[in-house]
Amino acid sequence: MSPFFSLFLPVLLFLFLLTVGFTLRARNVGVVMMWIGTLGIFAITCWTILEKLPA
C-alpha cells in the first residue's frame, strides 16, 4: 500500500465517524463517535508532524 493511501484511509474513516456522529449527536453513540473521530484526526495530525521532525 502506498504511503498516501496508508494515511488517507484512516483520515477518511475518522471523518466518516465525525459525520455520522454529528448526525446522531442527540444520542450517546453519536457523541462517542464524534469524540473518536476528533481524537483520531488529532492523533494522525500529531503523528505526521512528529514523523517529519528531525531525530
N, C-alpha and C. Protein backbone atom coordinates (compact mmCIF):
# COMPACT_ATOMS: atom_id res chain seq x y z
N MET A 1 0.85 -1.17 0.00
CA MET A 1 0.00 0.00 0.00
C MET A 1 0.90 1.24 0.00
N SER A 2 0.55 2.20 -0.79
CA SER A 2 1.36 3.41 -0.89
C SER A 2 1.23 4.26 0.38
N PRO A 3 2.22 5.11 0.64
CA PRO A 3 2.14 5.96 1.84
C PRO A 3 0.93 6.89 1.82
N PHE A 4 0.52 7.31 0.62
CA PHE A 4 -0.65 8.17 0.53
C PHE A 4 -1.90 7.46 1.03
N PHE A 5 -2.13 6.25 0.56
CA PHE A 5 -3.34 5.53 0.95
C PHE A 5 -3.27 5.04 2.40
N SER A 6 -2.08 4.78 2.90
CA SER A 6 -1.98 4.37 4.30
C SER A 6 -2.31 5.52 5.24
N LEU A 7 -2.23 6.75 4.78
CA LEU A 7 -2.64 7.90 5.58
C LEU A 7 -4.06 8.33 5.22
N PHE A 8 -4.45 8.17 3.97
CA PHE A 8 -5.75 8.62 3.50
C PHE A 8 -6.91 7.79 4.07
N LEU A 9 -6.73 6.50 4.16
CA LEU A 9 -7.82 5.64 4.64
C LEU A 9 -8.20 5.89 6.10
N PRO A 10 -7.24 6.02 7.03
CA PRO A 10 -7.66 6.35 8.40
C PRO A 10 -8.29 7.74 8.51
N VAL A 11 -7.77 8.70 7.74
CA VAL A 11 -8.38 10.04 7.77
C VAL A 11 -9.82 9.96 7.27
N LEU A 12 -10.04 9.21 6.21
CA LEU A 12 -11.39 9.05 5.68
C LEU A 12 -12.30 8.36 6.69
N LEU A 13 -11.77 7.37 7.39
CA LEU A 13 -12.56 6.66 8.40
C LEU A 13 -12.94 7.58 9.56
N PHE A 14 -11.98 8.37 10.05
CA PHE A 14 -12.28 9.26 11.18
C PHE A 14 -13.20 10.40 10.76
N LEU A 15 -13.07 10.89 9.55
CA LEU A 15 -14.00 11.92 9.08
C LEU A 15 -15.41 11.34 8.91
N PHE A 16 -15.49 10.08 8.49
CA PHE A 16 -16.79 9.43 8.39
C PHE A 16 -17.43 9.29 9.78
N LEU A 17 -16.61 8.94 10.78
CA LEU A 17 -17.13 8.85 12.15
C LEU A 17 -17.61 10.21 12.64
N LEU A 18 -16.88 11.26 12.32
CA LEU A 18 -17.31 12.61 12.70
C LEU A 18 -18.64 12.96 12.04
N THR A 19 -18.78 12.64 10.77
CA THR A 19 -20.00 12.98 10.04
C THR A 19 -21.21 12.23 10.59
N VAL A 20 -21.06 10.93 10.75
CA VAL A 20 -22.18 10.12 11.25
C VAL A 20 -22.48 10.48 12.70
N GLY A 21 -21.44 10.72 13.48
CA GLY A 21 -21.65 11.11 14.87
C GLY A 21 -22.37 12.44 15.00
N PHE A 22 -22.08 13.36 14.08
CA PHE A 22 -22.76 14.65 14.13
C PHE A 22 -24.24 14.51 13.80
N THR A 23 -24.57 13.61 12.88
CA THR A 23 -25.98 13.42 12.56
C THR A 23 -26.72 12.73 13.70
N LEU A 24 -26.00 11.97 14.53
CA LEU A 24 -26.62 11.27 15.66
C LEU A 24 -26.27 11.94 16.99
N ARG A 25 -26.00 13.23 16.99
CA ARG A 25 -25.49 13.90 18.19
C ARG A 25 -26.48 13.95 19.34
N ALA A 26 -27.75 13.67 19.10
CA ALA A 26 -28.73 13.66 20.19
C ALA A 26 -28.62 12.40 21.03
N ARG A 27 -27.99 11.37 20.49
CA ARG A 27 -27.83 10.10 21.21
C ARG A 27 -26.40 10.00 21.75
N ASN A 28 -26.22 9.14 22.71
CA ASN A 28 -24.89 8.95 23.29
C ASN A 28 -23.90 8.37 22.30
N VAL A 29 -24.37 7.48 21.43
CA VAL A 29 -23.46 6.86 20.47
C VAL A 29 -22.92 7.89 19.48
N GLY A 30 -23.70 8.89 19.15
CA GLY A 30 -23.24 9.94 18.26
C GLY A 30 -22.16 10.79 18.88
N VAL A 31 -22.31 11.08 20.16
CA VAL A 31 -21.29 11.87 20.86
C VAL A 31 -19.99 11.08 20.95
N VAL A 32 -20.08 9.79 21.21
CA VAL A 32 -18.89 8.94 21.28
C VAL A 32 -18.21 8.87 19.91
N MET A 33 -19.00 8.76 18.85
CA MET A 33 -18.43 8.73 17.50
C MET A 33 -17.73 10.03 17.17
N MET A 34 -18.29 11.16 17.58
CA MET A 34 -17.63 12.44 17.35
C MET A 34 -16.32 12.53 18.12
N TRP A 35 -16.31 12.03 19.36
CA TRP A 35 -15.08 12.03 20.15
C TRP A 35 -14.00 11.19 19.49
N ILE A 36 -14.37 10.00 19.06
CA ILE A 36 -13.40 9.10 18.42
C ILE A 36 -12.87 9.73 17.13
N GLY A 37 -13.75 10.31 16.34
CA GLY A 37 -13.33 10.95 15.10
C GLY A 37 -12.41 12.13 15.35
N THR A 38 -12.73 12.96 16.32
CA THR A 38 -11.91 14.13 16.63
C THR A 38 -10.54 13.70 17.15
N LEU A 39 -10.52 12.78 18.09
CA LEU A 39 -9.24 12.32 18.64
C LEU A 39 -8.41 11.58 17.59
N GLY A 40 -9.08 10.88 16.69
CA GLY A 40 -8.35 10.18 15.63
C GLY A 40 -7.69 11.14 14.66
N ILE A 41 -8.40 12.18 14.25
CA ILE A 41 -7.82 13.18 13.35
C ILE A 41 -6.68 13.90 14.05
N PHE A 42 -6.87 14.23 15.33
CA PHE A 42 -5.82 14.89 16.10
C PHE A 42 -4.58 13.99 16.22
N ALA A 43 -4.79 12.70 16.46
CA ALA A 43 -3.67 11.77 16.59
C ALA A 43 -2.92 11.62 15.27
N ILE A 44 -3.63 11.54 14.16
CA ILE A 44 -2.98 11.42 12.86
C ILE A 44 -2.18 12.68 12.55
N THR A 45 -2.74 13.84 12.88
CA THR A 45 -2.03 15.09 12.65
C THR A 45 -0.75 15.17 13.48
N CYS A 46 -0.85 14.82 14.75
CA CYS A 46 0.34 14.84 15.62
C CYS A 46 1.37 13.82 15.16
N TRP A 47 0.93 12.64 14.77
CA TRP A 47 1.85 11.60 14.31
C TRP A 47 2.59 12.06 13.05
N THR A 48 1.89 12.68 12.13
CA THR A 48 2.51 13.14 10.89
C THR A 48 3.52 14.25 11.17
N ILE A 49 3.19 15.17 12.07
CA ILE A 49 4.12 16.24 12.41
C ILE A 49 5.36 15.67 13.08
N LEU A 50 5.18 14.76 14.04
CA LEU A 50 6.31 14.16 14.75
C LEU A 50 7.18 13.32 13.82
N GLU A 51 6.55 12.69 12.84
CA GLU A 51 7.28 11.88 11.88
C GLU A 51 8.21 12.73 11.01
N LYS A 52 7.80 13.95 10.72
CA LYS A 52 8.58 14.82 9.85
C LYS A 52 9.70 15.57 10.58
N LEU A 53 9.66 15.58 11.90
CA LEU A 53 10.71 16.27 12.65
C LEU A 53 12.03 15.50 12.57
N PRO A 54 13.13 16.24 12.56
CA PRO A 54 14.42 15.53 12.53
C PRO A 54 14.68 14.83 13.88
N ALA A 55 15.34 13.72 13.80
CA ALA A 55 15.59 12.91 15.01
C ALA A 55 16.65 13.49 15.90
